[in-house]
Amino acid sequence: MFDTLKLSELSANNAGILRGPSSTRPTIWIVEENGIRAVVKDFSTNKFLFRNTVGRFLIWREGKAYKKLRGIRGVPVLYRVVDGLALVIEEIQGRNLENLENEIKLSSPFFDALEELVRRFHRRGLAHCDLKRAPNTLIGSDGFPYIVDWAASISKEEFRLPLLGSIYRRFLSDDYLAVIKLKLRHAPETVRPDEKDRYHYRSGGEKFIRAVRDRLRAMLQKAV
């Protein structure tokens, strides 16, 4: 799928542009082939030094995450990596959750499915790390949750040492806390008392780990 796509031809051969490039962010294109639409995250339009250092690194990391999560319902399909500078990803028909509470009410089954999705990619050894951003969670046209933008994700293998293991577990916990945050915004009546306590509780050890985690996450997100 999309085997003949060339980055040099995207500006003249695309089905739309979701976002133009900035000094540190890639162009996001929509492409179509045989009635199938895909999203292209493309660093080839960035400046030479950035695209060949940070751009290639982020494409490599996100591509690796998508491959690790292949087959999980709720994670878009990675069609291919192009020239080490772009990802071609399945387009999800639906809406992200940004400001969606002003339009529709999300159901308890939706959040049950979202929690199960989080459990599934955690079992694959991956934490998303950026679920608190509402645009990264979508409700598909089929009513199921989908999670996109895996550039800031981290894998269990990267945090093998004991102290780093504690930080990784904090990232896992944060993914669940992000789900609670979304529930508080979109369906507060579905949030259990123990979830509210978990969302607001911070021990001294957690505060330290959170400080280290926040610095690591900020470094990743600044590049994304």
N, C-alpha and C. Protein backbone atom coordinates (compact mmCIF):
# COMPACT_ATOMS: atom_id res chain seq x y z
N MET A 1 0.84 -1.20 0.00
CA MET A 1 0.00 0.00 0.00
C MET A 1 0.88 1.25 0.00
N PHE A 2 0.59 2.16 -0.91
CA PHE A 2 1.33 3.42 -1.07
C PHE A 2 2.82 3.17 -1.38
N ASP A 3 3.10 2.05 -2.07
CA ASP A 3 4.48 1.68 -2.36
C ASP A 3 5.16 2.64 -3.33
N THR A 4 4.37 3.33 -4.15
CA THR A 4 4.97 4.22 -5.16
C THR A 4 5.03 5.67 -4.70
N LEU A 5 4.61 5.94 -3.48
CA LEU A 5 4.58 7.32 -2.98
C LEU A 5 6.00 7.89 -2.90
N LYS A 6 6.17 9.09 -3.44
CA LYS A 6 7.45 9.79 -3.39
C LYS A 6 7.27 11.13 -2.68
N LEU A 7 8.15 11.42 -1.75
CA LEU A 7 8.04 12.66 -0.98
C LEU A 7 8.18 13.88 -1.88
N SER A 8 8.99 13.78 -2.90
CA SER A 8 9.21 14.93 -3.78
C SER A 8 7.97 15.31 -4.57
N GLU A 9 7.00 14.40 -4.66
CA GLU A 9 5.79 14.65 -5.44
C GLU A 9 4.58 15.01 -4.58
N LEU A 10 4.75 15.01 -3.26
CA LEU A 10 3.60 15.22 -2.38
C LEU A 10 2.96 16.60 -2.53
N SER A 11 3.78 17.62 -2.73
CA SER A 11 3.22 18.97 -2.80
C SER A 11 2.26 19.13 -3.98
N ALA A 12 2.46 18.33 -5.02
CA ALA A 12 1.60 18.42 -6.20
C ALA A 12 0.62 17.26 -6.29
N ASN A 13 0.82 16.24 -5.48
CA ASN A 13 0.00 15.03 -5.59
C ASN A 13 -0.45 14.59 -4.20
N ASN A 14 -1.44 15.30 -3.67
CA ASN A 14 -1.97 14.96 -2.35
C ASN A 14 -3.47 15.23 -2.34
N ALA A 15 -4.12 14.73 -1.30
CA ALA A 15 -5.57 14.92 -1.17
C ALA A 15 -5.92 15.98 -0.14
N GLY A 16 -4.89 16.67 0.35
CA GLY A 16 -5.12 17.73 1.34
C GLY A 16 -3.95 17.85 2.28
N ILE A 17 -3.91 18.93 3.02
CA ILE A 17 -2.87 19.15 4.01
C ILE A 17 -3.53 19.49 5.35
N LEU A 18 -3.17 18.72 6.37
CA LEU A 18 -3.73 18.95 7.69
C LEU A 18 -2.96 20.01 8.47
N ARG A 19 -1.64 20.06 8.21
CA ARG A 19 -0.82 21.03 8.93
C ARG A 19 0.45 21.30 8.13
N GLY A 20 0.77 22.57 7.99
CA GLY A 20 2.01 22.92 7.33
C GLY A 20 3.19 22.76 8.26
N PRO A 21 4.41 22.81 7.73
CA PRO A 21 5.59 22.63 8.57
C PRO A 21 5.91 23.88 9.38
N SER A 22 6.61 23.68 10.49
CA SER A 22 7.19 24.78 11.25
C SER A 22 8.68 24.48 11.37
N SER A 23 9.39 25.25 12.16
CA SER A 23 10.82 25.01 12.29
C SER A 23 11.12 23.66 12.92
N THR A 24 10.18 23.14 13.73
CA THR A 24 10.42 21.87 14.42
C THR A 24 9.32 20.83 14.21
N ARG A 25 8.33 21.14 13.40
CA ARG A 25 7.21 20.20 13.22
C ARG A 25 7.06 19.83 11.75
N PRO A 26 6.70 18.58 11.49
CA PRO A 26 6.60 18.12 10.10
C PRO A 26 5.32 18.57 9.42
N THR A 27 5.31 18.46 8.12
CA THR A 27 4.07 18.64 7.35
C THR A 27 3.21 17.40 7.53
N ILE A 28 1.90 17.59 7.66
CA ILE A 28 0.97 16.47 7.73
C ILE A 28 0.09 16.51 6.48
N TRP A 29 0.27 15.53 5.61
CA TRP A 29 -0.49 15.44 4.37
C TRP A 29 -1.58 14.38 4.46
N ILE A 30 -2.58 14.50 3.59
CA ILE A 30 -3.52 13.41 3.34
C ILE A 30 -3.26 12.92 1.92
N VAL A 31 -3.14 11.61 1.76
CA VAL A 31 -2.95 11.03 0.43
C VAL A 31 -4.01 9.95 0.22
N GLU A 32 -4.24 9.61 -1.03
CA GLU A 32 -5.25 8.60 -1.35
C GLU A 32 -4.76 7.70 -2.48
N GLU A 33 -5.02 6.41 -2.32
CA GLU A 33 -4.64 5.44 -3.35
C GLU A 33 -5.71 4.36 -3.43
N ASN A 34 -6.30 4.20 -4.60
CA ASN A 34 -7.35 3.19 -4.81
C ASN A 34 -8.47 3.29 -3.77
N GLY A 35 -8.85 4.52 -3.44
CA GLY A 35 -9.94 4.75 -2.50
C GLY A 35 -9.54 4.66 -1.04
N ILE A 36 -8.27 4.34 -0.75
CA ILE A 36 -7.78 4.26 0.62
C ILE A 36 -7.03 5.55 0.95
N ARG A 37 -7.40 6.17 2.05
CA ARG A 37 -6.76 7.42 2.47
C ARG A 37 -5.77 7.15 3.61
N ALA A 38 -4.70 7.92 3.61
CA ALA A 38 -3.68 7.79 4.65
C ALA A 38 -3.17 9.16 5.05
N VAL A 39 -2.57 9.21 6.22
CA VAL A 39 -1.94 10.42 6.74
C VAL A 39 -0.43 10.26 6.59
N VAL A 40 0.24 11.29 6.10
CA VAL A 40 1.69 11.26 5.95
C VAL A 40 2.30 12.31 6.87
N LYS A 41 3.12 11.85 7.80
CA LYS A 41 3.89 12.76 8.66
C LYS A 41 5.26 12.91 8.00
N ASP A 42 5.56 14.10 7.49
CA ASP A 42 6.66 14.29 6.55
C ASP A 42 7.65 15.35 7.02
N PHE A 43 8.86 14.90 7.38
CA PHE A 43 9.92 15.82 7.80
C PHE A 43 10.77 16.29 6.62
N SER A 44 10.51 15.81 5.42
CA SER A 44 11.37 16.18 4.29
C SER A 44 11.25 17.66 3.95
N THR A 45 10.18 18.31 4.42
CA THR A 45 9.97 19.73 4.14
C THR A 45 10.65 20.64 5.16
N ASN A 46 11.25 20.05 6.20
CA ASN A 46 11.96 20.85 7.20
C ASN A 46 13.38 21.15 6.73
N LYS A 47 14.06 22.03 7.44
CA LYS A 47 15.42 22.41 7.05
C LYS A 47 16.36 21.21 7.14
N PHE A 48 17.42 21.27 6.35
CA PHE A 48 18.31 20.13 6.13
C PHE A 48 18.82 19.51 7.43
N LEU A 49 19.41 20.32 8.31
CA LEU A 49 20.01 19.78 9.52
C LEU A 49 18.95 19.17 10.43
N PHE A 50 17.84 19.85 10.61
CA PHE A 50 16.79 19.34 11.51
C PHE A 50 16.19 18.05 10.98
N ARG A 51 15.87 18.03 9.68
CA ARG A 51 15.20 16.82 9.16
C ARG A 51 16.11 15.61 9.18
N ASN A 52 17.41 15.83 9.03
CA ASN A 52 18.33 14.70 8.97
C ASN A 52 18.89 14.30 10.33
N THR A 53 18.52 15.01 11.37
CA THR A 53 18.91 14.61 12.73
C THR A 53 17.66 14.29 13.54
N VAL A 54 17.01 15.32 14.02
CA VAL A 54 15.81 15.13 14.84
C VAL A 54 14.70 14.44 14.05
N GLY A 55 14.49 14.88 12.81
CA GLY A 55 13.41 14.30 12.00
C GLY A 55 13.58 12.80 11.81
N ARG A 56 14.76 12.39 11.39
CA ARG A 56 15.00 10.96 11.19
C ARG A 56 14.87 10.17 12.49
N PHE A 57 15.36 10.76 13.58
CA PHE A 57 15.28 10.08 14.88
C PHE A 57 13.83 9.86 15.29
N LEU A 58 12.98 10.90 15.14
CA LEU A 58 11.58 10.79 15.55
C LEU A 58 10.80 9.84 14.65
N ILE A 59 11.08 9.86 13.36
CA ILE A 59 10.42 8.91 12.45
C ILE A 59 10.81 7.49 12.80
N TRP A 60 12.08 7.28 13.11
CA TRP A 60 12.55 5.94 13.51
C TRP A 60 11.84 5.48 14.78
N ARG A 61 11.74 6.37 15.78
CA ARG A 61 11.11 6.00 17.04
C ARG A 61 9.61 5.71 16.85
N GLU A 62 8.93 6.60 16.15
CA GLU A 62 7.49 6.40 16.00
C GLU A 62 7.19 5.19 15.11
N GLY A 63 7.99 5.00 14.07
CA GLY A 63 7.80 3.82 13.24
C GLY A 63 8.00 2.55 14.03
N LYS A 64 9.00 2.55 14.90
CA LYS A 64 9.25 1.38 15.74
C LYS A 64 8.06 1.11 16.66
N ALA A 65 7.46 2.17 17.20
CA ALA A 65 6.29 2.01 18.08
C ALA A 65 5.12 1.40 17.32
N TYR A 66 4.83 1.92 16.12
CA TYR A 66 3.72 1.38 15.34
C TYR A 66 3.94 -0.09 15.00
N LYS A 67 5.17 -0.46 14.68
CA LYS A 67 5.46 -1.86 14.37
C LYS A 67 5.26 -2.74 15.60
N LYS A 68 5.64 -2.23 16.75
CA LYS A 68 5.48 -2.98 18.00
C LYS A 68 4.01 -3.19 18.33
N LEU A 69 3.16 -2.26 17.91
CA LEU A 69 1.74 -2.29 18.26
C LEU A 69 0.87 -2.86 17.13
N ARG A 70 1.50 -3.36 16.10
CA ARG A 70 0.75 -3.88 14.94
C ARG A 70 -0.28 -4.92 15.37
N GLY A 71 -1.50 -4.78 14.88
CA GLY A 71 -2.54 -5.76 15.17
C GLY A 71 -3.45 -5.38 16.32
N ILE A 72 -3.13 -4.31 17.05
CA ILE A 72 -3.99 -3.87 18.15
C ILE A 72 -5.09 -2.97 17.60
N ARG A 73 -6.33 -3.35 17.84
CA ARG A 73 -7.43 -2.50 17.41
C ARG A 73 -7.40 -1.20 18.20
N GLY A 74 -7.47 -0.09 17.51
CA GLY A 74 -7.40 1.21 18.17
C GLY A 74 -6.09 1.93 17.92
N VAL A 75 -5.14 1.23 17.26
CA VAL A 75 -3.87 1.85 16.85
C VAL A 75 -3.83 1.84 15.33
N PRO A 76 -3.68 2.99 14.68
CA PRO A 76 -3.66 3.02 13.21
C PRO A 76 -2.58 2.11 12.63
N VAL A 77 -2.84 1.62 11.43
CA VAL A 77 -1.88 0.78 10.73
C VAL A 77 -0.78 1.64 10.13
N LEU A 78 0.47 1.21 10.31
CA LEU A 78 1.59 1.86 9.63
C LEU A 78 1.75 1.19 8.27
N TYR A 79 1.55 1.95 7.19
CA TYR A 79 1.69 1.39 5.85
C TYR A 79 3.16 1.28 5.44
N ARG A 80 3.92 2.35 5.68
CA ARG A 80 5.34 2.29 5.35
C ARG A 80 6.07 3.51 5.90
N VAL A 81 7.40 3.38 5.94
CA VAL A 81 8.30 4.50 6.23
C VAL A 81 8.95 4.88 4.91
N VAL A 82 8.97 6.17 4.59
CA VAL A 82 9.49 6.63 3.30
C VAL A 82 10.80 7.38 3.50
N ASP A 83 11.88 6.83 2.96
CA ASP A 83 13.20 7.49 2.95
C ASP A 83 13.69 7.86 4.35
N GLY A 84 13.15 7.23 5.38
CA GLY A 84 13.56 7.54 6.75
C GLY A 84 13.09 8.89 7.24
N LEU A 85 12.26 9.58 6.43
CA LEU A 85 11.84 10.95 6.75
C LEU A 85 10.33 11.11 6.91
N ALA A 86 9.57 10.07 6.62
CA ALA A 86 8.11 10.20 6.66
C ALA A 86 7.46 8.87 7.01
N LEU A 87 6.31 8.98 7.68
CA LEU A 87 5.47 7.82 7.98
C LEU A 87 4.19 7.93 7.19
N VAL A 88 3.73 6.82 6.64
CA VAL A 88 2.43 6.75 5.98
C VAL A 88 1.54 5.89 6.86
N ILE A 89 0.50 6.51 7.43
CA ILE A 89 -0.30 5.88 8.47
C ILE A 89 -1.77 5.89 8.06
N GLU A 90 -2.47 4.85 8.44
CA GLU A 90 -3.91 4.75 8.19
C GLU A 90 -4.64 5.99 8.70
N GLU A 91 -5.52 6.55 7.88
CA GLU A 91 -6.37 7.64 8.33
C GLU A 91 -7.57 7.06 9.07
N ILE A 92 -7.82 7.54 10.27
CA ILE A 92 -8.96 7.10 11.06
C ILE A 92 -10.14 8.02 10.80
N GLN A 93 -11.24 7.46 10.36
CA GLN A 93 -12.45 8.24 10.15
C GLN A 93 -13.11 8.49 11.50
N GLY A 94 -13.20 9.73 11.90
CA GLY A 94 -13.79 10.06 13.19
C GLY A 94 -13.39 11.45 13.64
N ARG A 95 -13.44 11.67 14.94
CA ARG A 95 -13.14 12.98 15.53
C ARG A 95 -12.22 12.80 16.72
N ASN A 96 -11.28 13.74 16.89
CA ASN A 96 -10.51 13.71 18.13
C ASN A 96 -11.35 14.35 19.25
N LEU A 97 -10.89 14.18 20.48
CA LEU A 97 -11.70 14.59 21.63
C LEU A 97 -11.56 16.06 22.00
N GLU A 98 -10.75 16.81 21.27
CA GLU A 98 -10.57 18.22 21.59
C GLU A 98 -11.89 18.97 21.48
N ASN A 99 -12.35 19.51 22.60
CA ASN A 99 -13.60 20.30 22.68
C ASN A 99 -14.85 19.51 22.27
N LEU A 100 -14.74 18.20 22.21
CA LEU A 100 -15.87 17.39 21.78
C LEU A 100 -16.99 17.37 22.81
N GLU A 101 -16.64 17.69 24.07
CA GLU A 101 -17.66 17.69 25.13
C GLU A 101 -18.74 18.74 24.87
N ASN A 102 -18.43 19.73 24.02
CA ASN A 102 -19.42 20.76 23.69
C ASN A 102 -20.42 20.29 22.63
N GLU A 103 -20.16 19.12 22.05
CA GLU A 103 -21.01 18.65 20.95
C GLU A 103 -21.73 17.34 21.25
N ILE A 104 -21.01 16.36 21.79
CA ILE A 104 -21.63 15.07 22.06
C ILE A 104 -21.21 14.56 23.43
N LYS A 105 -21.95 13.60 23.94
CA LYS A 105 -21.66 12.97 25.23
C LYS A 105 -21.03 11.61 24.98
N LEU A 106 -19.85 11.40 25.53
CA LEU A 106 -19.20 10.11 25.39
C LEU A 106 -19.73 9.15 26.44
N SER A 107 -19.86 7.89 26.07
CA SER A 107 -20.48 6.90 26.94
C SER A 107 -19.47 6.17 27.80
N SER A 108 -19.98 5.52 28.83
CA SER A 108 -19.13 4.68 29.67
C SER A 108 -18.48 3.56 28.88
N PRO A 109 -19.19 2.87 27.96
CA PRO A 109 -18.54 1.83 27.15
C PRO A 109 -17.35 2.35 26.34
N PHE A 110 -17.41 3.60 25.88
CA PHE A 110 -16.28 4.16 25.15
C PHE A 110 -15.04 4.19 26.04
N PHE A 111 -15.20 4.64 27.28
CA PHE A 111 -14.05 4.73 28.17
C PHE A 111 -13.60 3.36 28.65
N ASP A 112 -14.52 2.41 28.76
CA ASP A 112 -14.11 1.03 29.06
C ASP A 112 -13.22 0.50 27.95
N ALA A 113 -13.61 0.77 26.70
CA ALA A 113 -12.81 0.33 25.55
C ALA A 113 -11.47 1.05 25.51
N LEU A 114 -11.45 2.33 25.90
CA LEU A 114 -10.20 3.09 25.92
C LEU A 114 -9.24 2.52 26.97
N GLU A 115 -9.76 2.19 28.15
CA GLU A 115 -8.92 1.59 29.18
C GLU A 115 -8.36 0.25 28.73
N GLU A 116 -9.17 -0.54 28.04
CA GLU A 116 -8.70 -1.83 27.52
C GLU A 116 -7.63 -1.63 26.46
N LEU A 117 -7.77 -0.60 25.64
CA LEU A 117 -6.76 -0.28 24.64
C LEU A 117 -5.44 0.07 25.32
N VAL A 118 -5.49 0.87 26.37
CA VAL A 118 -4.28 1.22 27.12
C VAL A 118 -3.64 -0.03 27.70
N ARG A 119 -4.43 -0.92 28.26
CA ARG A 119 -3.89 -2.17 28.82
C ARG A 119 -3.18 -2.99 27.74
N ARG A 120 -3.75 -3.01 26.55
CA ARG A 120 -3.17 -3.81 25.48
C ARG A 120 -1.81 -3.30 25.04
N PHE A 121 -1.68 -1.98 24.86
CA PHE A 121 -0.35 -1.52 24.43
C PHE A 121 0.64 -1.53 25.58
N HIS A 122 0.18 -1.44 26.82
CA HIS A 122 1.09 -1.62 27.94
C HIS A 122 1.63 -3.04 27.97
N ARG A 123 0.79 -4.02 27.64
CA ARG A 123 1.26 -5.41 27.61
C ARG A 123 2.29 -5.64 26.51
N ARG A 124 2.28 -4.79 25.50
CA ARG A 124 3.30 -4.85 24.45
C ARG A 124 4.59 -4.14 24.87
N GLY A 125 4.60 -3.57 26.09
CA GLY A 125 5.80 -2.92 26.58
C GLY A 125 5.99 -1.50 26.11
N LEU A 126 4.88 -0.76 25.97
CA LEU A 126 4.96 0.61 25.48
C LEU A 126 4.04 1.52 26.28
N ALA A 127 4.54 2.72 26.62
CA ALA A 127 3.73 3.77 27.24
C ALA A 127 3.60 4.91 26.23
N HIS A 128 2.40 5.46 26.10
CA HIS A 128 2.18 6.52 25.10
C HIS A 128 2.80 7.84 25.54
N CYS A 129 2.59 8.23 26.80
CA CYS A 129 3.21 9.41 27.41
C CYS A 129 2.60 10.75 27.03
N ASP A 130 1.61 10.77 26.16
CA ASP A 130 1.03 12.06 25.77
C ASP A 130 -0.48 11.97 25.59
N LEU A 131 -1.12 11.12 26.39
CA LEU A 131 -2.56 10.93 26.27
C LEU A 131 -3.37 12.07 26.88
N LYS A 132 -2.74 12.91 27.70
CA LYS A 132 -3.49 14.02 28.29
C LYS A 132 -3.84 15.07 27.24
N ARG A 133 -3.18 15.02 26.11
CA ARG A 133 -3.56 15.90 24.99
C ARG A 133 -4.75 15.28 24.28
N ALA A 134 -5.90 15.93 24.39
CA ALA A 134 -7.14 15.39 23.82
C ALA A 134 -7.05 15.07 22.33
N PRO A 135 -6.30 15.83 21.51
CA PRO A 135 -6.24 15.50 20.08
C PRO A 135 -5.62 14.14 19.78
N ASN A 136 -4.94 13.55 20.74
CA ASN A 136 -4.30 12.25 20.49
C ASN A 136 -5.24 11.07 20.66
N THR A 137 -6.45 11.33 21.16
CA THR A 137 -7.47 10.28 21.28
C THR A 137 -8.63 10.62 20.36
N LEU A 138 -9.05 9.64 19.59
CA LEU A 138 -10.15 9.84 18.63
C LEU A 138 -11.29 8.89 18.96
N ILE A 139 -12.49 9.31 18.62
CA ILE A 139 -13.62 8.39 18.57
C ILE A 139 -13.89 8.13 17.09
N GLY A 140 -13.73 6.88 16.69
CA GLY A 140 -13.90 6.54 15.29
C GLY A 140 -15.35 6.56 14.86
N SER A 141 -15.57 6.50 13.57
CA SER A 141 -16.94 6.46 13.06
C SER A 141 -17.65 5.19 13.50
N ASP A 142 -16.87 4.19 13.95
CA ASP A 142 -17.44 2.95 14.48
C ASP A 142 -17.74 3.03 15.97
N GLY A 143 -17.44 4.20 16.59
CA GLY A 143 -17.71 4.39 18.00
C GLY A 143 -16.61 3.93 18.93
N PHE A 144 -15.54 3.35 18.39
CA PHE A 144 -14.45 2.85 19.21
C PHE A 144 -13.33 3.90 19.34
N PRO A 145 -12.54 3.81 20.42
CA PRO A 145 -11.43 4.75 20.60
C PRO A 145 -10.22 4.37 19.76
N TYR A 146 -9.50 5.39 19.32
CA TYR A 146 -8.24 5.21 18.60
C TYR A 146 -7.23 6.19 19.19
N ILE A 147 -5.97 5.76 19.25
CA ILE A 147 -4.91 6.60 19.79
C ILE A 147 -3.87 6.83 18.70
N VAL A 148 -3.49 8.08 18.51
CA VAL A 148 -2.54 8.46 17.46
C VAL A 148 -1.36 9.20 18.08
N ASP A 149 -0.38 9.50 17.23
CA ASP A 149 0.80 10.29 17.59
C ASP A 149 1.63 9.60 18.67
N TRP A 150 2.46 8.66 18.23
CA TRP A 150 3.28 7.85 19.14
C TRP A 150 4.73 8.33 19.20
N ALA A 151 4.99 9.54 18.75
CA ALA A 151 6.37 10.02 18.69
C ALA A 151 7.00 10.18 20.07
N ALA A 152 6.20 10.46 21.09
CA ALA A 152 6.73 10.66 22.44
C ALA A 152 6.69 9.38 23.27
N SER A 153 6.27 8.27 22.67
CA SER A 153 6.14 7.02 23.43
C SER A 153 7.51 6.49 23.84
N ILE A 154 7.51 5.70 24.91
CA ILE A 154 8.74 5.06 25.37
C ILE A 154 8.47 3.57 25.58
N SER A 155 9.51 2.77 25.43
CA SER A 155 9.36 1.33 25.59
C SER A 155 10.00 0.87 26.89
N LYS A 156 9.52 -0.25 27.36
CA LYS A 156 10.03 -0.84 28.60
C LYS A 156 11.52 -1.14 28.49
N GLU A 157 11.97 -1.54 27.31
CA GLU A 157 13.38 -1.90 27.11
C GLU A 157 14.31 -0.71 27.34
N GLU A 158 13.80 0.49 27.16
CA GLU A 158 14.64 1.69 27.33
C GLU A 158 14.81 2.07 28.80
N PHE A 159 14.05 1.43 29.68
CA PHE A 159 14.06 1.78 31.10
C PHE A 159 14.29 0.54 31.96
N ARG A 160 15.34 -0.20 31.65
CA ARG A 160 15.59 -1.47 32.32
C ARG A 160 16.19 -1.32 33.72
N LEU A 161 17.02 -0.31 33.92
CA LEU A 161 17.67 -0.14 35.22
C LEU A 161 16.64 0.14 36.30
N PRO A 162 16.93 -0.23 37.58
CA PRO A 162 15.94 -0.12 38.66
C PRO A 162 15.29 1.25 38.78
N LEU A 163 16.08 2.32 38.85
CA LEU A 163 15.50 3.66 38.99
C LEU A 163 14.69 4.02 37.76
N LEU A 164 15.22 3.68 36.59
CA LEU A 164 14.50 3.98 35.36
C LEU A 164 13.22 3.17 35.27
N GLY A 165 13.24 1.97 35.86
CA GLY A 165 12.03 1.16 35.89
C GLY A 165 10.91 1.84 36.65
N SER A 166 11.26 2.54 37.73
CA SER A 166 10.26 3.28 38.49
C SER A 166 9.67 4.42 37.66
N ILE A 167 10.52 5.07 36.88
CA ILE A 167 10.05 6.15 36.03
C ILE A 167 9.14 5.60 34.94
N TYR A 168 9.51 4.45 34.37
CA TYR A 168 8.66 3.83 33.35
C TYR A 168 7.29 3.48 33.92
N ARG A 169 7.26 2.93 35.13
CA ARG A 169 5.96 2.62 35.75
C ARG A 169 5.15 3.88 35.99
N ARG A 170 5.83 4.99 36.24
CA ARG A 170 5.13 6.27 36.39
C ARG A 170 4.48 6.68 35.06
N PHE A 171 5.19 6.45 33.95
CA PHE A 171 4.62 6.74 32.63
C PHE A 171 3.39 5.87 32.37
N LEU A 172 3.47 4.60 32.75
CA LEU A 172 2.31 3.71 32.59
C LEU A 172 1.13 4.24 33.39
N SER A 173 1.40 4.63 34.64
CA SER A 173 0.34 5.17 35.49
C SER A 173 -0.25 6.43 34.89
N ASP A 174 0.60 7.26 34.30
CA ASP A 174 0.12 8.51 33.70
C ASP A 174 -0.83 8.26 32.54
N ASP A 175 -0.61 7.19 31.79
CA ASP A 175 -1.55 6.86 30.71
C ASP A 175 -2.94 6.61 31.28
N TYR A 176 -3.01 5.89 32.41
CA TYR A 176 -4.32 5.65 33.03
C TYR A 176 -4.90 6.93 33.62
N LEU A 177 -4.03 7.75 34.22
CA LEU A 177 -4.51 9.03 34.76
C LEU A 177 -5.06 9.92 33.65
N ALA A 178 -4.47 9.82 32.47
CA ALA A 178 -4.96 10.60 31.33
C ALA A 178 -6.37 10.17 30.95
N VAL A 179 -6.64 8.87 31.05
CA VAL A 179 -7.99 8.38 30.77
C VAL A 179 -8.97 8.95 31.79
N ILE A 180 -8.56 8.97 33.06
CA ILE A 180 -9.43 9.55 34.10
C ILE A 180 -9.67 11.03 33.82
N LYS A 181 -8.63 11.74 33.40
CA LYS A 181 -8.79 13.16 33.08
C LYS A 181 -9.81 13.35 31.97
N LEU A 182 -9.74 12.50 30.94
CA LEU A 182 -10.71 12.59 29.85
C LEU A 182 -12.12 12.28 30.33
N LYS A 183 -12.23 11.30 31.24
CA LYS A 183 -13.55 10.96 31.79
C LYS A 183 -14.11 12.13 32.60
N LEU A 184 -13.25 12.79 33.38
CA LEU A 184 -13.69 13.93 34.17
C LEU A 184 -14.23 15.05 33.28
N ARG A 185 -13.67 15.18 32.11
CA ARG A 185 -14.12 16.23 31.19
C ARG A 185 -15.36 15.82 30.40
N HIS A 186 -15.39 14.59 29.93
CA HIS A 186 -16.44 14.18 28.99
C HIS A 186 -17.58 13.40 29.63
N ALA A 187 -17.32 12.73 30.75
CA ALA A 187 -18.37 11.92 31.39
C ALA A 187 -18.08 11.82 32.88
N PRO A 188 -18.11 12.95 33.60
CA PRO A 188 -17.71 12.95 35.01
C PRO A 188 -18.52 12.01 35.89
N GLU A 189 -19.76 11.73 35.48
CA GLU A 189 -20.60 10.85 36.29
C GLU A 189 -20.10 9.40 36.27
N THR A 190 -19.21 9.07 35.34
CA THR A 190 -18.70 7.70 35.24
C THR A 190 -17.42 7.50 36.06
N VAL A 191 -16.88 8.57 36.64
CA VAL A 191 -15.62 8.47 37.39
C VAL A 191 -15.91 7.96 38.79
N ARG A 192 -15.27 6.85 39.16
CA ARG A 192 -15.47 6.25 40.48
C ARG A 192 -14.70 7.05 41.53
N PRO A 193 -15.11 6.97 42.81
CA PRO A 193 -14.40 7.67 43.88
C PRO A 193 -12.93 7.29 43.95
N ASP A 194 -12.62 5.99 43.78
CA ASP A 194 -11.21 5.57 43.85
C ASP A 194 -10.40 6.15 42.70
N GLU A 195 -11.04 6.38 41.54
CA GLU A 195 -10.34 7.00 40.42
C GLU A 195 -10.05 8.47 40.71
N LYS A 196 -10.98 9.15 41.34
CA LYS A 196 -10.74 10.55 41.72
C LYS A 196 -9.60 10.64 42.71
N ASP A 197 -9.58 9.72 43.69
CA ASP A 197 -8.50 9.71 44.68
C ASP A 197 -7.16 9.45 44.00
N ARG A 198 -7.15 8.51 43.08
CA ARG A 198 -5.92 8.18 42.37
C ARG A 198 -5.43 9.35 41.53
N TYR A 199 -6.36 10.06 40.93
CA TYR A 199 -5.99 11.18 40.06
C TYR A 199 -5.36 12.32 40.85
N HIS A 200 -5.83 12.55 42.07
CA HIS A 200 -5.37 13.70 42.85
C HIS A 200 -4.24 13.36 43.83
N TYR A 201 -3.99 12.07 44.09
CA TYR A 201 -2.99 11.70 45.10
C TYR A 201 -1.58 11.81 44.55
N ARG A 202 -0.67 12.36 45.35
CA ARG A 202 0.75 12.45 45.01
C ARG A 202 1.57 12.22 46.27
N SER A 203 2.32 11.12 46.32
CA SER A 203 3.24 10.89 47.43
C SER A 203 4.54 11.62 47.17
N GLY A 204 5.41 11.68 48.21
CA GLY A 204 6.70 12.34 48.03
C GLY A 204 7.53 11.67 46.95
N GLY A 205 7.56 10.34 46.97
CA GLY A 205 8.32 9.60 45.96
C GLY A 205 7.77 9.85 44.57
N GLU A 206 6.46 9.88 44.47
CA GLU A 206 5.84 10.13 43.17
C GLU A 206 6.19 11.52 42.65
N LYS A 207 6.24 12.50 43.54
CA LYS A 207 6.56 13.86 43.11
C LYS A 207 7.96 13.91 42.50
N PHE A 208 8.91 13.17 43.13
CA PHE A 208 10.27 13.14 42.60
C PHE A 208 10.30 12.47 41.23
N ILE A 209 9.65 11.31 41.14
CA ILE A 209 9.63 10.58 39.88
C ILE A 209 8.93 11.39 38.80
N ARG A 210 7.86 12.09 39.19
CA ARG A 210 7.14 12.93 38.23
C ARG A 210 8.03 14.05 37.70
N ALA A 211 8.88 14.61 38.58
CA ALA A 211 9.77 15.68 38.15
C ALA A 211 10.75 15.18 37.09
N VAL A 212 11.32 13.99 37.33
CA VAL A 212 12.23 13.40 36.36
C VAL A 212 11.49 13.06 35.07
N ARG A 213 10.32 12.46 35.23
CA ARG A 213 9.49 12.10 34.07
C ARG A 213 9.12 13.32 33.24
N ASP A 214 8.73 14.41 33.90
CA ASP A 214 8.31 15.61 33.19
C ASP A 214 9.44 16.19 32.35
N ARG A 215 10.66 16.11 32.89
CA ARG A 215 11.81 16.62 32.14
C ARG A 215 12.06 15.77 30.89
N LEU A 216 11.97 14.45 31.06
CA LEU A 216 12.16 13.55 29.92
C LEU A 216 11.07 13.77 28.86
N ARG A 217 9.83 13.88 29.32
CA ARG A 217 8.72 14.05 28.39
C ARG A 217 8.81 15.39 27.67
N ALA A 218 9.22 16.44 28.38
CA ALA A 218 9.35 17.76 27.76
C ALA A 218 10.39 17.74 26.64
N MET A 219 11.47 16.98 26.86
CA MET A 219 12.51 16.89 25.84
C MET A 219 11.96 16.23 24.57
N LEU A 220 11.16 15.18 24.75
CA LEU A 220 10.58 14.50 23.59
C LEU A 220 9.53 15.37 22.90
N GLN A 221 8.65 15.98 23.69
CA GLN A 221 7.56 16.76 23.11
C GLN A 221 8.05 18.01 22.41
N LYS A 222 9.15 18.57 22.89
CA LYS A 222 9.69 19.78 22.25
C LYS A 222 10.11 19.48 20.82
N ALA A 223 10.61 18.28 20.62
CA ALA A 223 11.04 17.88 19.28
C ALA A 223 9.87 17.48 18.40
N VAL A 224 8.79 16.97 19.02
CA VAL A 224 7.62 16.54 18.26
C VAL A 224 6.81 17.74 17.84
